Amino acid sequence: MGYLIHIDGALTREYDAVDPTIDKKVLARFEEVARTGEKIAFITGRSEKWLDQHLLPQIDANEFLVLGEYGNFRVWREQRWWDEKAQEFEDRFREMLKERVAVVARSYGIKVKKEDRDYEPKSGELWFAPGVGILAVRTNPNGNGFGAKLDAELVHKIVRQAVSDSGTADDFEIKKTPVSTVISRKGLNLEHAARIAVGTLDPEDFVEQWYALGRTTDEAMAYDPKIKFVSVEPKASKATWEFLSKIA
């Protein structure tokens, strides 16, 4: 069997934290499963920097395929590489899109910090997570600023308007999460990452059954009939543990 694990949907303890904690108990269970020969890929939209801080030091890189930025960044058998299109996104679009988002956000009276940064526990602000081939626009989802609630819905509205105003909307894909809205090039998404994972881990098409675990909104990972999607919402890593205990 094979497993496609959306990190923020199935491996963390909570969905709507800006910087959720990876459940080490579940991670250890996946290590046990990997040692039996099962194929496992960890998938996320988060950056190389985030993976270096929160996941990669905790695992044996020979046991798992890790895909960051929906497949822009890959770690496999201790080797790292980037999709060349990620650098093109950074060179051509990332700073321009930041400026557009900042202009729209300020029209709502929202404060923006434009330098890439990790989580700051402040409400009522927008900032941009570290990245190369994507742009994640983030906030504290429970924050209130200037009398107006700045939640995931407003972040999404601001980003959509900014992308539309850029005149290049056809080049991008916009993905809403509980804590951010992510801008990427067209076709860079969970399905794209899942296809890379299956092609890398099972190039000869020997695996008869794959499981894709994540939020209800992550179902795009199950792009093929032999991939069964398992929603672990709303209990996240707890539900992942329960699922593994039944079948592995």
C-alpha atoms as a PDB file:
ATOM      1  CA  MET A   1       0.000   0.000   0.000  1.00  0.00           C
ATOM      2  CA  GLY A   2       0.925   3.641  -0.294  1.00  0.00           C
ATOM      3  CA  TYR A   3       0.023   6.726   1.724  1.00  0.00           C
ATOM      4  CA  LEU A   4      -0.239  10.358   0.631  1.00  0.00           C
ATOM      5  CA  ILE A   5      -0.306  12.511   3.757  1.00  0.00           C
ATOM      6  CA  HIS A   6      -1.241  16.186   3.676  1.00  0.00           C
ATOM      7  CA  ILE A   7       0.853  17.453   6.598  1.00  0.00           C
ATOM      8  CA  ASP A   8      -1.483  20.263   7.664  1.00  0.00           C
ATOM      9  CA  GLY A   9      -4.524  18.060   7.242  1.00  0.00           C
ATOM     10  CA  ALA A  10      -3.409  14.767   8.786  1.00  0.00           C
ATOM     11  CA  LEU A  11      -0.091  15.009  10.624  1.00  0.00           C
ATOM     12  CA  THR A  12      -0.638  18.072  12.810  1.00  0.00           C
ATOM     13  CA  ARG A  13      -2.636  18.316  16.016  1.00  0.00           C
ATOM     14  CA  GLU A  14      -4.956  21.072  14.834  1.00  0.00           C
ATOM     15  CA  TYR A  15      -6.201  22.569  11.572  1.00  0.00           C
ATOM     16  CA  ASP A  16      -6.568  26.247  12.237  1.00  0.00           C
ATOM     17  CA  ALA A  17      -3.324  27.068  14.048  1.00  0.00           C
ATOM     18  CA  VAL A  18      -1.046  29.435  12.175  1.00  0.00           C
ATOM     19  CA  ASP A  19       1.938  27.268  13.057  1.00  0.00           C
ATOM     20  CA  PRO A  20       0.573  23.847  14.056  1.00  0.00           C
ATOM     21  CA  THR A  21       2.609  21.207  15.845  1.00  0.00           C
ATOM     22  CA  ILE A  22       3.446  17.924  14.136  1.00  0.00           C
ATOM     23  CA  ASP A  23       2.213  14.986  16.189  1.00  0.00           C
ATOM     24  CA  LYS A  24       5.360  12.993  16.999  1.00  0.00           C
ATOM     25  CA  LYS A  25       3.346   9.954  18.023  1.00  0.00           C
ATOM     26  CA  VAL A  26       1.724   9.751  14.590  1.00  0.00           C
ATOM     27  CA  LEU A  27       5.058  10.437  12.891  1.00  0.00           C
ATOM     28  CA  ALA A  28       6.606   7.520  14.775  1.00  0.00           C
ATOM     29  CA  ARG A  29       3.715   5.319  13.653  1.00  0.00           C
ATOM     30  CA  PHE A  30       4.407   6.221  10.023  1.00  0.00           C
ATOM     31  CA  GLU A  31       8.054   5.306  10.551  1.00  0.00           C
ATOM     32  CA  GLU A  32       6.936   1.857  11.681  1.00  0.00           C
ATOM     33  CA  VAL A  33       4.732   1.538   8.595  1.00  0.00           C
ATOM     34  CA  ALA A  34       7.570   2.650   6.293  1.00  0.00           C
ATOM     35  CA  ARG A  35       9.876  -0.026   7.686  1.00  0.00           C
ATOM     36  CA  THR A  36       7.429  -2.682   6.478  1.00  0.00           C
ATOM     37  CA  GLY A  37       7.982  -1.494   2.902  1.00  0.00           C
ATOM     38  CA  GLU A  38       4.902   0.689   2.467  1.00  0.00           C
ATOM     39  CA  LYS A  39       5.264   3.837   0.340  1.00  0.00           C
ATOM     40  CA  ILE A  40       4.719   7.141   2.151  1.00  0.00           C
ATOM     41  CA  ALA A  41       4.773  10.752   0.948  1.00  0.00           C
ATOM     42  CA  PHE A  42       4.330  13.837   3.111  1.00  0.00           C
ATOM     43  CA  ILE A  43       2.821  16.732   1.139  1.00  0.00           C
ATOM     44  CA  THR A  44       2.449  20.384   2.071  1.00  0.00           C
ATOM     45  CA  GLY A  45       2.181  23.855   0.623  1.00  0.00           C
ATOM     46  CA  ARG A  46       4.685  25.068   3.187  1.00  0.00           C
ATOM     47  CA  SER A  47       8.243  26.087   2.402  1.00  0.00           C
ATOM     48  CA  GLU A  48      11.622  24.410   2.575  1.00  0.00           C
ATOM     49  CA  LYS A  49      12.387  26.580   5.606  1.00  0.00           C
ATOM     50  CA  TRP A  50       9.290  25.347   7.446  1.00  0.00           C
ATOM     51  CA  LEU A  51      10.084  21.719   6.640  1.00  0.00           C
ATOM     52  CA  ASP A  52      13.666  22.192   7.814  1.00  0.00           C
ATOM     53  CA  GLN A  53      12.389  23.531  11.120  1.00  0.00           C
ATOM     54  CA  HIS A  54       9.428  21.254  11.815  1.00  0.00           C
ATOM     55  CA  LEU A  55       9.606  17.949   9.919  1.00  0.00           C
ATOM     56  CA  LEU A  56      12.903  16.973   8.316  1.00  0.00           C
ATOM     57  CA  PRO A  57      14.977  16.878  11.543  1.00  0.00           C
ATOM     58  CA  GLN A  58      12.496  14.344  12.933  1.00  0.00           C
ATOM     59  CA  ILE A  59      12.540  11.775  10.123  1.00  0.00           C
ATOM     60  CA  ASP A  60      14.903   9.521   8.198  1.00  0.00           C
ATOM     61  CA  ALA A  61      14.987  11.045   4.725  1.00  0.00           C
ATOM     62  CA  ASN A  62      15.530   7.590   3.249  1.00  0.00           C
ATOM     63  CA  GLU A  63      12.140   6.408   4.500  1.00  0.00           C
ATOM     64  CA  PHE A  64       9.856   9.118   3.103  1.00  0.00           C
ATOM     65  CA  LEU A  65       9.299  11.351   0.113  1.00  0.00           C
ATOM     66  CA  VAL A  66       8.678  14.941   1.225  1.00  0.00           C
ATOM     67  CA  LEU A  67       7.102  17.515  -1.075  1.00  0.00           C
ATOM     68  CA  GLY A  68       7.010  21.210  -0.136  1.00  0.00           C
ATOM     69  CA  GLU A  69       5.279  24.062  -1.957  1.00  0.00           C
ATOM     70  CA  TYR A  70       2.929  21.470  -3.530  1.00  0.00           C
ATOM     71  CA  GLY A  71       5.847  19.785  -5.277  1.00  0.00           C
ATOM     72  CA  ASN A  72       8.100  22.740  -6.094  1.00  0.00           C
ATOM     73  CA  PHE A  73      10.544  21.459  -3.466  1.00  0.00           C
ATOM     74  CA  ARG A  74      11.346  17.760  -3.017  1.00  0.00           C
ATOM     75  CA  VAL A  75      13.388  15.634  -0.623  1.00  0.00           C
ATOM     76  CA  TRP A  76      13.899  12.004  -1.614  1.00  0.00           C
ATOM     77  CA  ARG A  77      16.611   9.638  -0.387  1.00  0.00           C
ATOM     78  CA  GLU A  78      18.454  12.572   1.206  1.00  0.00           C
ATOM     79  CA  GLN A  79      18.597  14.452  -2.098  1.00  0.00           C
ATOM     80  CA  ARG A  80      16.950  17.868  -2.525  1.00  0.00           C
ATOM     81  CA  TRP A  81      15.862  19.616  -5.668  1.00  0.00           C
ATOM     82  CA  TRP A  82      13.613  22.403  -6.913  1.00  0.00           C
ATOM     83  CA  ASP A  83      11.318  22.749  -9.881  1.00  0.00           C
ATOM     84  CA  GLU A  84      12.897  25.359 -12.159  1.00  0.00           C
ATOM     85  CA  LYS A  85       9.513  27.112 -12.510  1.00  0.00           C
ATOM     86  CA  ALA A  86       9.612  28.004  -8.804  1.00  0.00           C
ATOM     87  CA  GLN A  87      12.507  30.389  -9.389  1.00  0.00           C
ATOM     88  CA  GLU A  88      10.651  31.939 -12.314  1.00  0.00           C
ATOM     89  CA  PHE A  89       7.670  32.648 -10.028  1.00  0.00           C
ATOM     90  CA  GLU A  90       9.949  34.271  -7.467  1.00  0.00           C
ATOM     91  CA  ASP A  91      11.780  36.371 -10.059  1.00  0.00           C
ATOM     92  CA  ARG A  92       8.732  37.566 -11.980  1.00  0.00           C
ATOM     93  CA  PHE A  93       5.724  37.599  -9.688  1.00  0.00           C
ATOM     94  CA  ARG A  94       6.322  37.273  -5.970  1.00  0.00           C
ATOM     95  CA  GLU A  95       7.257  40.863  -5.088  1.00  0.00           C
ATOM     96  CA  MET A  96       4.718  42.293  -7.512  1.00  0.00           C
ATOM     97  CA  LEU A  97       1.944  40.259  -5.896  1.00  0.00           C
ATOM     98  CA  LYS A  98       3.041  41.314  -2.432  1.00  0.00           C
ATOM     99  CA  GLU A  99       2.693  44.949  -3.455  1.00  0.00           C
ATOM    100  CA  ARG A 100      -0.777  44.336  -4.893  1.00  0.00           C
ATOM    101  CA  VAL A 101      -1.949  42.517  -1.766  1.00  0.00           C
ATOM    102  CA  ALA A 102      -0.583  45.306   0.439  1.00  0.00           C
ATOM    103  CA  VAL A 103      -2.432  47.988  -1.523  1.00  0.00           C
ATOM    104  CA  VAL A 104      -5.762  46.149  -1.297  1.00  0.00           C
ATOM    105  CA  ALA A 105      -5.307  45.236   2.383  1.00  0.00           C
ATOM    106  CA  ARG A 106      -4.571  48.829   3.311  1.00  0.00           C
ATOM    107  CA  SER A 107      -7.750  49.931   1.567  1.00  0.00           C
ATOM    108  CA  TYR A 108      -9.530  47.833   4.227  1.00  0.00           C
ATOM    109  CA  GLY A 109      -7.489  49.470   6.975  1.00  0.00           C
ATOM    110  CA  ILE A 110      -5.368  46.352   7.444  1.00  0.00           C
ATOM    111  CA  LYS A 111      -1.709  46.620   8.436  1.00  0.00           C
ATOM    112  CA  VAL A 112       0.727  44.623   6.274  1.00  0.00           C
ATOM    113  CA  LYS A 113       4.274  43.401   6.925  1.00  0.00           C
ATOM    114  CA  LYS A 114       5.848  42.710   3.541  1.00  0.00           C
ATOM    115  CA  GLU A 115       9.064  40.958   4.579  1.00  0.00           C
ATOM    116  CA  ASP A 116       8.777  37.170   4.609  1.00  0.00           C
ATOM    117  CA  ARG A 117       8.452  35.995   8.184  1.00  0.00           C
ATOM    118  CA  ASP A 118       7.446  33.119  10.364  1.00  0.00           C
ATOM    119  CA  TYR A 119       4.466  33.320  12.646  1.00  0.00           C
ATOM    120  CA  GLU A 120       4.058  36.386  14.816  1.00  0.00           C
ATOM    121  CA  PRO A 121       1.289  36.105  17.419  1.00  0.00           C
ATOM    122  CA  LYS A 122      -0.351  39.405  16.595  1.00  0.00           C
ATOM    123  CA  SER A 123      -3.914  39.914  15.474  1.00  0.00           C
ATOM    124  CA  GLY A 124      -5.229  42.234  12.837  1.00  0.00           C
ATOM    125  CA  GLU A 125      -2.197  42.016  10.517  1.00  0.00           C
ATOM    126  CA  LEU A 126      -1.310  40.386   7.230  1.00  0.00           C
ATOM    127  CA  TRP A 127       2.115  38.984   6.485  1.00  0.00           C
ATOM    128  CA  PHE A 128       3.778  36.671   3.974  1.00  0.00           C
ATOM    129  CA  ALA A 129       5.210  33.284   4.876  1.00  0.00           C
ATOM    130  CA  PRO A 130       8.655  32.304   3.571  1.00  0.00           C
ATOM    131  CA  GLY A 131       8.593  30.699   0.135  1.00  0.00           C
ATOM    132  CA  VAL A 132       9.946  30.685  -3.396  1.00  0.00           C
ATOM    133  CA  GLY A 133       7.443  29.396  -5.930  1.00  0.00           C
ATOM    134  CA  ILE A 134       4.327  30.286  -3.965  1.00  0.00           C
ATOM    135  CA  LEU A 135       3.056  33.274  -1.993  1.00  0.00           C
ATOM    136  CA  ALA A 136       1.181  32.481   1.228  1.00  0.00           C
ATOM    137  CA  VAL A 137      -0.720  35.468   2.625  1.00  0.00           C
ATOM    138  CA  ARG A 138      -1.334  34.863   6.313  1.00  0.00           C
ATOM    139  CA  THR A 139      -2.948  36.171   9.465  1.00  0.00           C
ATOM    140  CA  ASN A 140      -3.986  35.140  12.933  1.00  0.00           C
ATOM    141  CA  PRO A 141      -7.403  33.642  12.078  1.00  0.00           C
ATOM    142  CA  ASN A 142      -8.909  34.809  15.378  1.00  0.00           C
ATOM    143  CA  GLY A 143      -7.479  38.294  15.179  1.00  0.00           C
ATOM    144  CA  ASN A 144      -9.381  41.556  15.177  1.00  0.00           C
ATOM    145  CA  GLY A 145      -7.853  44.775  13.987  1.00  0.00           C
ATOM    146  CA  PHE A 146      -9.162  48.303  13.591  1.00  0.00           C
ATOM    147  CA  GLY A 147     -12.699  47.212  14.488  1.00  0.00           C
ATOM    148  CA  ALA A 148     -12.930  44.760  11.557  1.00  0.00           C
ATOM    149  CA  LYS A 149     -12.425  41.020  11.965  1.00  0.00           C
ATOM    150  CA  LEU A 150      -9.504  39.835   9.855  1.00  0.00           C
ATOM    151  CA  ASP A 151     -10.241  36.172   9.264  1.00  0.00           C
ATOM    152  CA  ALA A 152      -9.593  33.642   6.505  1.00  0.00           C
ATOM    153  CA  GLU A 153     -12.561  34.891   4.479  1.00  0.00           C
ATOM    154  CA  LEU A 154     -11.301  38.472   4.377  1.00  0.00           C
ATOM    155  CA  VAL A 155      -7.753  37.349   3.588  1.00  0.00           C
ATOM    156  CA  HIS A 156      -9.117  35.346   0.660  1.00  0.00           C
ATOM    157  CA  LYS A 157     -11.175  38.316  -0.560  1.00  0.00           C
ATOM    158  CA  ILE A 158      -8.158  40.638  -0.392  1.00  0.00           C
ATOM    159  CA  VAL A 159      -5.937  38.202  -2.295  1.00  0.00           C
ATOM    160  CA  ARG A 160      -8.490  37.546  -5.018  1.00  0.00           C
ATOM    161  CA  GLN A 161      -8.924  41.266  -5.584  1.00  0.00           C
ATOM    162  CA  ALA A 162      -5.157  41.807  -5.642  1.00  0.00           C
ATOM    163  CA  VAL A 163      -4.604  39.042  -8.186  1.00  0.00           C
ATOM    164  CA  SER A 164      -7.441  40.372 -10.333  1.00  0.00           C
ATOM    165  CA  ASP A 165      -5.953  43.878 -10.190  1.00  0.00           C
ATOM    166  CA  SER A 166      -2.552  42.541 -11.242  1.00  0.00           C
ATOM    167  CA  GLY A 167      -3.809  41.804 -14.743  1.00  0.00           C
ATOM    168  CA  THR A 168      -2.203  38.358 -14.647  1.00  0.00           C
ATOM    169  CA  ALA A 169      -4.973  36.366 -12.975  1.00  0.00           C
ATOM    170  CA  ASP A 170      -4.905  33.680 -15.678  1.00  0.00           C
ATOM    171  CA  ASP A 171      -1.351  32.748 -14.632  1.00  0.00           C
ATOM    172  CA  PHE A 172      -2.243  31.866 -11.040  1.00  0.00           C
ATOM    173  CA  GLU A 173      -4.145  29.477  -8.826  1.00  0.00           C
ATOM    174  CA  ILE A 174      -5.582  30.679  -5.507  1.00  0.00           C
ATOM    175  CA  LYS A 175      -6.069  28.274  -2.598  1.00  0.00           C
ATOM    176  CA  LYS A 176      -7.842  29.182   0.640  1.00  0.00           C
ATOM    177  CA  THR A 177      -6.809  27.473   3.890  1.00  0.00           C
ATOM    178  CA  PRO A 178      -8.039  28.042   7.484  1.00  0.00           C
ATOM    179  CA  VAL A 179      -5.143  30.440   8.160  1.00  0.00           C
ATOM    180  CA  SER A 180      -4.031  31.788   4.794  1.00  0.00           C
ATOM    181  CA  THR A 181      -4.610  32.175   1.089  1.00  0.00           C
ATOM    182  CA  VAL A 182      -1.911  30.783  -1.180  1.00  0.00           C
ATOM    183  CA  ILE A 183      -1.070  32.065  -4.663  1.00  0.00           C
ATOM    184  CA  SER A 184       0.777  29.716  -7.013  1.00  0.00           C
ATOM    185  CA  ARG A 185       1.140  29.149 -10.709  1.00  0.00           C
ATOM    186  CA  LYS A 186      -1.655  27.285 -12.486  1.00  0.00           C
ATOM    187  CA  GLY A 187      -1.669  23.568 -11.785  1.00  0.00           C
ATOM    188  CA  LEU A 188       0.536  23.734  -8.688  1.00  0.00           C
ATOM    189  CA  ASN A 189      -1.701  22.160  -6.068  1.00  0.00           C
ATOM    190  CA  LEU A 190      -2.305  19.017  -4.015  1.00  0.00           C
ATOM    191  CA  GLU A 191      -3.235  16.960  -7.076  1.00  0.00           C
ATOM    192  CA  HIS A 192       0.025  17.979  -8.747  1.00  0.00           C
ATOM    193  CA  ALA A 193       1.978  16.945  -5.650  1.00  0.00           C
ATOM    194  CA  ALA A 194       0.095  13.651  -5.378  1.00  0.00           C
ATOM    195  CA  ARG A 195       0.931  12.790  -8.987  1.00  0.00           C
ATOM    196  CA  ILE A 196       4.614  13.500  -8.338  1.00  0.00           C
ATOM    197  CA  ALA A 197       4.499  11.349  -5.205  1.00  0.00           C
ATOM    198  CA  VAL A 198       2.920   8.337  -6.881  1.00  0.00           C
ATOM    199  CA  GLY A 199       5.205   8.603  -9.921  1.00  0.00           C
ATOM    200  CA  THR A 200       8.299   8.838  -7.719  1.00  0.00           C
ATOM    201  CA  LEU A 201       7.432   6.134  -5.205  1.00  0.00           C
ATOM    202  CA  ASP A 202       5.845   3.667  -7.613  1.00  0.00           C
ATOM    203  CA  PRO A 203       7.231   4.234 -11.125  1.00  0.00           C
ATOM    204  CA  GLU A 204       6.378   0.666 -12.182  1.00  0.00           C
ATOM    205  CA  ASP A 205       2.766   0.960 -10.965  1.00  0.00           C
ATOM    206  CA  PHE A 206       3.015  -1.995  -8.589  1.00  0.00           C
ATOM    207  CA  VAL A 207       1.076  -0.475  -5.682  1.00  0.00           C
ATOM    208  CA  GLU A 208      -2.545  -1.582  -5.882  1.00  0.00           C
ATOM    209  CA  GLN A 209      -3.985   0.630  -3.134  1.00  0.00           C
ATOM    210  CA  TRP A 210      -3.134   4.152  -2.063  1.00  0.00           C
ATOM    211  CA  TYR A 211      -4.692   6.149   0.768  1.00  0.00           C
ATOM    212  CA  ALA A 212      -4.741   9.945   0.719  1.00  0.00           C
ATOM    213  CA  LEU A 213      -5.317  11.511   4.148  1.00  0.00           C
ATOM    214  CA  GLY A 214      -6.287  15.112   4.822  1.00  0.00           C
ATOM    215  CA  ARG A 215      -9.104  17.597   5.247  1.00  0.00           C
ATOM    216  CA  THR A 216     -12.353  17.258   3.346  1.00  0.00           C
ATOM    217  CA  THR A 217     -11.094  19.972   0.995  1.00  0.00           C
ATOM    218  CA  ASP A 218      -7.967  17.903   0.194  1.00  0.00           C
ATOM    219  CA  GLU A 219      -9.830  15.317  -1.872  1.00  0.00           C
ATOM    220  CA  ALA A 220      -7.996  16.361  -5.062  1.00  0.00           C
ATOM    221  CA  MET A 221      -5.144  14.102  -3.957  1.00  0.00           C
ATOM    222  CA  ALA A 222      -7.312  11.133  -4.916  1.00  0.00           C
ATOM    223  CA  TYR A 223      -6.975  11.773  -8.654  1.00  0.00           C
ATOM    224  CA  ASP A 224      -6.929   8.069  -9.575  1.00  0.00           C
ATOM    225  CA  PRO A 225      -9.516   5.328  -8.741  1.00  0.00           C
ATOM    226  CA  LYS A 226      -6.905   3.311  -6.853  1.00  0.00           C
ATOM    227  CA  ILE A 227      -6.361   6.235  -4.445  1.00  0.00           C
ATOM    228  CA  LYS A 228      -8.933   6.213  -1.638  1.00  0.00           C
ATOM    229  CA  PHE A 229      -9.405   9.557   0.061  1.00  0.00           C
ATOM    230  CA  VAL A 230      -9.772   9.484   3.848  1.00  0.00           C
ATOM    231  CA  SER A 231     -10.996  12.656   5.543  1.00  0.00           C
ATOM    232  CA  VAL A 232      -9.557  12.941   9.044  1.00  0.00           C
ATOM    233  CA  GLU A 233     -11.486  16.095   9.809  1.00  0.00           C
ATOM    234  CA  PRO A 234     -12.000  17.442  12.425  1.00  0.00           C
ATOM    235  CA  LYS A 235      -9.615  15.480  14.674  1.00  0.00           C
ATOM    236  CA  ALA A 236      -6.523  15.714  12.430  1.00  0.00           C
ATOM    237  CA  SER A 237      -3.621  13.656  13.758  1.00  0.00           C
ATOM    238  CA  LYS A 238      -5.841  11.831  16.253  1.00  0.00           C
ATOM    239  CA  ALA A 239      -8.057  10.596  13.441  1.00  0.00           C
ATOM    240  CA  THR A 240      -4.980   9.670  11.386  1.00  0.00           C
ATOM    241  CA  TRP A 241      -3.753   7.545  14.303  1.00  0.00           C
ATOM    242  CA  GLU A 242      -7.135   5.848  14.576  1.00  0.00           C
ATOM    243  CA  PHE A 243      -7.150   5.094  10.844  1.00  0.00           C
ATOM    244  CA  LEU A 244      -3.649   3.632  10.894  1.00  0.00           C
ATOM    245  CA  SER A 245      -4.510   1.503  13.905  1.00  0.00           C
ATOM    246  CA  LYS A 246      -7.276  -0.132  11.915  1.00  0.00           C
ATOM    247  CA  ILE A 247      -5.433  -0.945   8.705  1.00  0.00           C
ATOM    248  CA  ALA A 248      -1.676  -0.906   9.320  1.00  0.00           C
END
